[in-house]
N, C-alpha and C. Protein backbone atom coordinates (compact mmCIF):
# COMPACT_ATOMS: atom_id res chain seq x y z
N MET A 1 179.24 95.26 157.58
CA MET A 1 178.78 94.19 156.71
C MET A 1 177.43 94.55 156.10
N THR A 2 177.20 94.05 154.93
CA THR A 2 175.97 94.29 154.20
C THR A 2 175.36 92.94 153.82
N ASN A 3 174.05 92.86 153.86
CA ASN A 3 173.35 91.67 153.38
C ASN A 3 172.90 91.91 151.95
N GLY A 4 172.99 90.88 151.14
CA GLY A 4 172.55 91.01 149.77
C GLY A 4 172.74 89.71 149.01
N TRP A 5 172.88 89.84 147.72
CA TRP A 5 173.01 88.68 146.84
C TRP A 5 174.14 88.93 145.85
N LEU A 6 174.99 87.92 145.69
CA LEU A 6 176.05 87.98 144.69
C LEU A 6 175.49 87.61 143.32
N LEU A 7 175.92 88.33 142.31
CA LEU A 7 175.53 88.04 140.93
C LEU A 7 176.33 86.85 140.42
N ASP A 8 175.63 85.86 139.88
CA ASP A 8 176.26 84.67 139.32
C ASP A 8 177.27 85.07 138.24
N THR A 9 178.43 84.43 138.25
CA THR A 9 179.51 84.77 137.32
C THR A 9 179.08 84.64 135.86
N LYS A 10 178.36 83.57 135.54
CA LYS A 10 177.93 83.36 134.15
C LYS A 10 176.95 84.47 133.72
N ASP A 11 176.04 84.84 134.60
CA ASP A 11 175.09 85.91 134.29
C ASP A 11 175.81 87.25 134.19
N ARG A 12 176.79 87.47 135.08
CA ARG A 12 177.58 88.70 135.04
C ARG A 12 178.29 88.83 133.69
N ASP A 13 178.94 87.74 133.27
CA ASP A 13 179.66 87.77 132.00
C ASP A 13 178.73 88.06 130.83
N ALA A 14 177.54 87.46 130.82
CA ALA A 14 176.57 87.70 129.75
C ALA A 14 176.08 89.15 129.76
N LEU A 15 175.79 89.68 130.95
CA LEU A 15 175.36 91.07 131.04
C LEU A 15 176.46 92.03 130.60
N LEU A 16 177.69 91.75 131.00
CA LEU A 16 178.81 92.60 130.58
C LEU A 16 178.97 92.59 129.06
N ARG A 17 178.75 91.43 128.45
CA ARG A 17 178.84 91.33 126.99
C ARG A 17 177.70 92.09 126.31
N ASP A 18 176.48 91.92 126.83
CA ASP A 18 175.31 92.51 126.19
C ASP A 18 175.07 93.97 126.56
N HIS A 19 175.60 94.40 127.70
CA HIS A 19 175.41 95.77 128.19
C HIS A 19 176.76 96.29 128.69
N PRO A 20 177.68 96.60 127.76
CA PRO A 20 179.03 97.00 128.15
C PRO A 20 179.01 98.20 129.10
N PRO A 21 179.81 98.14 130.15
CA PRO A 21 179.88 99.24 131.11
C PRO A 21 180.37 100.52 130.43
N ARG A 22 179.84 101.61 130.85
CA ARG A 22 180.19 102.90 130.25
C ARG A 22 181.45 103.50 130.87
N TYR A 23 181.69 103.20 132.15
CA TYR A 23 182.80 103.82 132.86
C TYR A 23 183.90 102.81 133.16
N ASP A 24 185.10 103.31 133.44
CA ASP A 24 186.30 102.47 133.56
C ASP A 24 186.27 101.47 134.72
N HIS A 25 185.72 101.86 135.86
CA HIS A 25 185.72 100.95 137.01
C HIS A 25 184.44 100.11 136.97
N VAL A 26 184.59 98.84 136.60
CA VAL A 26 183.46 97.92 136.52
C VAL A 26 183.23 97.30 137.90
N VAL A 27 182.00 97.44 138.42
CA VAL A 27 181.64 96.86 139.71
C VAL A 27 180.89 95.55 139.45
N ALA A 28 179.64 95.63 139.00
CA ALA A 28 178.88 94.46 138.52
C ALA A 28 179.00 93.26 139.44
N HIS A 29 178.72 93.43 140.73
CA HIS A 29 179.05 92.41 141.71
C HIS A 29 177.86 91.86 142.50
N HIS A 30 176.99 92.75 143.02
CA HIS A 30 175.95 92.29 143.94
C HIS A 30 174.75 93.24 143.97
N VAL A 31 173.69 92.75 144.62
CA VAL A 31 172.50 93.54 144.94
C VAL A 31 172.44 93.65 146.46
N THR A 32 172.31 94.86 146.98
CA THR A 32 172.23 95.07 148.42
C THR A 32 170.79 94.94 148.88
N LEU A 33 170.60 94.27 150.04
CA LEU A 33 169.30 94.22 150.69
C LEU A 33 169.28 95.17 151.88
N ASP A 34 170.25 95.02 152.77
CA ASP A 34 170.24 95.78 154.02
C ASP A 34 171.67 95.94 154.52
N VAL A 35 172.00 97.12 154.97
CA VAL A 35 173.35 97.34 155.48
C VAL A 35 173.47 97.06 156.97
N ARG A 36 172.36 96.70 157.63
CA ARG A 36 172.41 96.47 159.08
C ARG A 36 172.01 95.06 159.51
N ALA A 37 171.40 94.29 158.65
CA ALA A 37 170.92 92.95 159.04
C ALA A 37 172.10 92.02 159.34
N SER A 38 171.85 91.04 160.19
CA SER A 38 172.94 90.16 160.60
C SER A 38 172.96 88.80 159.90
N ASP A 39 171.85 88.39 159.32
CA ASP A 39 171.79 87.09 158.65
C ASP A 39 171.70 87.27 157.15
N PRO A 40 172.28 86.34 156.37
CA PRO A 40 172.13 86.42 154.91
C PRO A 40 170.65 86.39 154.52
N PRO A 41 170.30 87.03 153.42
CA PRO A 41 168.91 87.05 152.98
C PRO A 41 168.50 85.70 152.38
N PRO A 42 167.21 85.53 152.13
CA PRO A 42 166.74 84.27 151.54
C PRO A 42 167.09 84.18 150.05
N ALA A 43 166.95 82.99 149.51
CA ALA A 43 167.07 82.80 148.06
C ALA A 43 165.89 83.52 147.40
N VAL A 44 166.11 84.06 146.20
CA VAL A 44 165.08 84.84 145.51
C VAL A 44 165.09 84.56 144.02
N ARG A 45 164.00 84.98 143.36
CA ARG A 45 163.95 85.05 141.90
C ARG A 45 164.31 86.48 141.53
N ALA A 46 165.18 86.65 140.53
CA ALA A 46 165.64 88.00 140.19
C ALA A 46 165.73 88.19 138.68
N ALA A 47 165.56 89.44 138.27
CA ALA A 47 165.72 89.81 136.86
C ALA A 47 166.16 91.27 136.77
N VAL A 48 167.02 91.55 135.81
CA VAL A 48 167.39 92.93 135.53
C VAL A 48 166.30 93.51 134.64
N LEU A 49 165.75 94.65 135.07
CA LEU A 49 164.62 95.27 134.35
C LEU A 49 164.99 96.52 133.57
N GLY A 50 166.11 97.16 133.95
CA GLY A 50 166.46 98.41 133.28
C GLY A 50 167.74 98.98 133.84
N SER A 51 167.97 100.27 133.55
CA SER A 51 169.23 100.88 133.96
C SER A 51 169.08 102.38 134.17
N THR A 52 170.10 102.94 134.81
CA THR A 52 170.20 104.38 134.99
C THR A 52 171.65 104.79 134.81
N ASP A 53 171.87 106.04 134.43
CA ASP A 53 173.21 106.57 134.22
C ASP A 53 173.12 108.08 134.40
N ASP A 54 173.95 108.63 135.26
CA ASP A 54 173.89 110.08 135.47
C ASP A 54 174.75 110.87 134.48
N ASP A 55 175.38 110.19 133.53
CA ASP A 55 176.25 110.81 132.52
C ASP A 55 177.45 111.51 133.15
N GLN A 56 177.72 111.20 134.41
CA GLN A 56 178.85 111.82 135.11
C GLN A 56 179.66 110.79 135.90
N GLY A 57 179.44 109.50 135.62
CA GLY A 57 180.28 108.49 136.25
C GLY A 57 179.59 107.47 137.13
N VAL A 58 178.26 107.42 137.13
CA VAL A 58 177.56 106.38 137.90
C VAL A 58 176.54 105.70 136.99
N GLU A 59 176.71 104.39 136.85
CA GLU A 59 175.81 103.57 136.03
C GLU A 59 175.34 102.39 136.88
N ALA A 60 174.04 102.11 136.86
CA ALA A 60 173.49 101.00 137.65
C ALA A 60 172.40 100.28 136.86
N LEU A 61 172.24 99.00 137.17
CA LEU A 61 171.17 98.19 136.59
C LEU A 61 170.11 97.95 137.66
N VAL A 62 168.86 98.13 137.30
CA VAL A 62 167.74 97.94 138.24
C VAL A 62 167.32 96.48 138.21
N VAL A 63 167.12 95.92 139.41
CA VAL A 63 166.84 94.50 139.56
C VAL A 63 165.52 94.31 140.31
N SER A 64 164.70 93.38 139.81
CA SER A 64 163.52 92.99 140.57
C SER A 64 163.89 91.77 141.42
N ILE A 65 163.45 91.81 142.66
CA ILE A 65 163.65 90.70 143.60
C ILE A 65 162.27 90.17 143.95
N ASP A 66 162.01 88.92 143.55
CA ASP A 66 160.69 88.32 143.76
C ASP A 66 159.57 89.24 143.28
N GLY A 67 159.80 89.90 142.12
CA GLY A 67 158.77 90.70 141.48
C GLY A 67 158.71 92.16 141.87
N SER A 68 159.59 92.62 142.73
CA SER A 68 159.56 94.02 143.17
C SER A 68 160.93 94.67 143.06
N VAL A 69 160.95 95.94 142.70
CA VAL A 69 162.20 96.70 142.68
C VAL A 69 162.38 97.50 143.96
N ASP A 70 161.37 97.50 144.83
CA ASP A 70 161.38 98.32 146.03
C ASP A 70 162.12 97.65 147.19
N ARG A 71 163.23 98.25 147.60
CA ARG A 71 163.98 97.77 148.74
C ARG A 71 163.27 98.19 150.03
N PRO A 72 163.37 97.41 151.10
CA PRO A 72 162.69 97.74 152.35
C PRO A 72 163.03 99.13 152.90
N ASP A 73 164.22 99.65 152.59
CA ASP A 73 164.61 100.96 153.10
C ASP A 73 164.09 102.12 152.24
N GLY A 74 163.28 101.81 151.22
CA GLY A 74 162.70 102.85 150.38
C GLY A 74 163.49 103.13 149.11
N SER A 75 164.65 102.53 148.96
CA SER A 75 165.42 102.71 147.73
C SER A 75 165.04 101.62 146.73
N ILE A 76 165.82 101.50 145.67
CA ILE A 76 165.53 100.56 144.58
C ILE A 76 166.62 99.50 144.51
N PHE A 77 166.21 98.23 144.38
CA PHE A 77 167.19 97.17 144.18
C PHE A 77 167.97 97.42 142.90
N HIS A 78 169.28 97.31 142.98
CA HIS A 78 170.12 97.57 141.81
C HIS A 78 171.48 96.90 141.95
N ILE A 79 172.17 96.85 140.83
CA ILE A 79 173.58 96.46 140.78
C ILE A 79 174.33 97.68 140.29
N THR A 80 175.27 98.18 141.08
CA THR A 80 176.13 99.25 140.57
C THR A 80 176.95 98.63 139.45
N TRP A 81 176.79 99.16 138.26
CA TRP A 81 177.39 98.52 137.08
C TRP A 81 178.80 99.04 136.82
N SER A 82 178.95 100.36 136.73
CA SER A 82 180.28 100.91 136.51
C SER A 82 180.35 102.32 137.09
N LEU A 83 181.61 102.73 137.38
CA LEU A 83 181.84 104.02 138.01
C LEU A 83 182.98 104.75 137.31
N GLY A 84 182.86 106.06 137.24
CA GLY A 84 183.95 106.90 136.75
C GLY A 84 184.86 107.27 137.90
N GLU A 85 185.96 107.89 137.57
CA GLU A 85 186.95 108.29 138.56
C GLU A 85 186.32 109.17 139.64
N GLY A 86 186.63 108.84 140.90
CA GLY A 86 186.16 109.64 142.01
C GLY A 86 184.72 109.36 142.45
N ARG A 87 184.05 108.44 141.80
CA ARG A 87 182.67 108.12 142.15
C ARG A 87 182.63 106.85 142.99
N SER A 88 181.55 106.68 143.78
CA SER A 88 181.44 105.51 144.64
C SER A 88 180.12 104.78 144.41
N ALA A 89 180.12 103.49 144.74
CA ALA A 89 178.95 102.65 144.51
C ALA A 89 177.71 103.15 145.25
N LYS A 90 177.89 103.70 146.44
CA LYS A 90 176.73 104.17 147.21
C LYS A 90 175.99 105.30 146.50
N GLU A 91 176.63 105.95 145.55
CA GLU A 91 175.98 107.03 144.80
C GLU A 91 174.89 106.52 143.86
N SER A 92 174.89 105.22 143.57
CA SER A 92 173.84 104.65 142.72
C SER A 92 172.46 104.92 143.30
N ASN A 93 172.34 104.84 144.64
CA ASN A 93 171.06 105.12 145.28
C ASN A 93 170.58 106.53 144.98
N ASP A 94 171.48 107.50 145.05
CA ASP A 94 171.13 108.90 144.78
C ASP A 94 170.71 109.10 143.33
N VAL A 95 171.46 108.49 142.42
CA VAL A 95 171.14 108.63 140.99
C VAL A 95 169.76 108.05 140.70
N LEU A 96 169.46 106.88 141.25
CA LEU A 96 168.14 106.28 141.04
C LEU A 96 167.03 107.16 141.62
N LYS A 97 167.27 107.74 142.76
CA LYS A 97 166.27 108.60 143.40
C LYS A 97 166.04 109.88 142.61
N GLU A 98 167.13 110.48 142.12
CA GLU A 98 167.04 111.76 141.43
C GLU A 98 166.64 111.64 139.97
N ARG A 99 167.12 110.61 139.29
CA ARG A 99 166.92 110.50 137.84
C ARG A 99 165.95 109.41 137.42
N GLY A 100 165.66 108.47 138.34
CA GLY A 100 164.82 107.34 137.95
C GLY A 100 165.62 106.38 137.08
N TRP A 101 164.90 105.57 136.31
CA TRP A 101 165.56 104.58 135.47
C TRP A 101 164.73 104.28 134.24
N LYS A 102 165.40 103.75 133.23
CA LYS A 102 164.76 103.41 131.96
C LYS A 102 164.56 101.90 131.89
N GLU A 103 163.32 101.49 131.67
CA GLU A 103 163.00 100.07 131.56
C GLU A 103 163.49 99.51 130.23
N TRP A 104 164.09 98.33 130.27
CA TRP A 104 164.53 97.65 129.05
C TRP A 104 163.33 96.99 128.38
N ASP A 105 163.49 96.65 127.10
CA ASP A 105 162.43 95.99 126.35
C ASP A 105 162.07 94.62 126.93
N HIS A 106 163.08 93.93 127.45
CA HIS A 106 162.85 92.58 127.98
C HIS A 106 163.63 92.39 129.29
N PRO A 107 162.99 91.86 130.32
CA PRO A 107 163.73 91.55 131.55
C PRO A 107 164.78 90.48 131.27
N VAL A 108 165.87 90.53 132.02
CA VAL A 108 166.94 89.54 131.90
C VAL A 108 167.03 88.79 133.23
N PRO A 109 166.54 87.54 133.27
CA PRO A 109 166.63 86.75 134.50
C PRO A 109 168.10 86.55 134.90
N VAL A 110 168.37 86.66 136.19
CA VAL A 110 169.72 86.43 136.70
C VAL A 110 169.65 85.57 137.95
N SER A 111 170.74 84.86 138.19
CA SER A 111 170.87 84.06 139.41
C SER A 111 171.65 84.86 140.44
N LEU A 112 171.09 84.92 141.64
CA LEU A 112 171.74 85.61 142.75
C LEU A 112 171.91 84.64 143.91
N THR A 113 173.04 84.73 144.59
CA THR A 113 173.34 83.88 145.73
C THR A 113 173.32 84.71 147.02
N PRO A 114 172.51 84.33 148.02
CA PRO A 114 172.49 85.06 149.28
C PRO A 114 173.90 85.14 149.89
N ALA A 115 174.23 86.32 150.44
CA ALA A 115 175.58 86.48 150.97
C ALA A 115 175.65 87.63 151.97
N ARG A 116 176.64 87.55 152.85
CA ARG A 116 177.05 88.68 153.67
C ARG A 116 178.21 89.32 152.93
N LEU A 117 178.13 90.61 152.68
CA LEU A 117 179.12 91.29 151.86
C LEU A 117 179.89 92.32 152.69
N ARG A 118 181.12 92.51 152.36
CA ARG A 118 181.93 93.54 153.01
C ARG A 118 181.91 94.80 152.20
């Protein structure tokens, strides 16, 4: 189980419209906080600040949680946006670490719901 936040359906739909996924498998589902915690995380203020893409099948959106993009485990808060064939969501962490991310002109506030995720 993973702790994190589910992306609100209305916000997901708007982001998908305004930032069409590049790869065939659309994920666009949640932001991970911790893969080991046992309780759902607290409610937060969130905004999408930018994106990354490795041009080989991994695309992710960078999210600020209560004003920070820094996850407690040293990685970056993000939503895996889309994946190409043979790629997995966990690879978003590697792409962000290796390539960084590009900040958008304007943050996009989003609603996230605390959740335990499978």
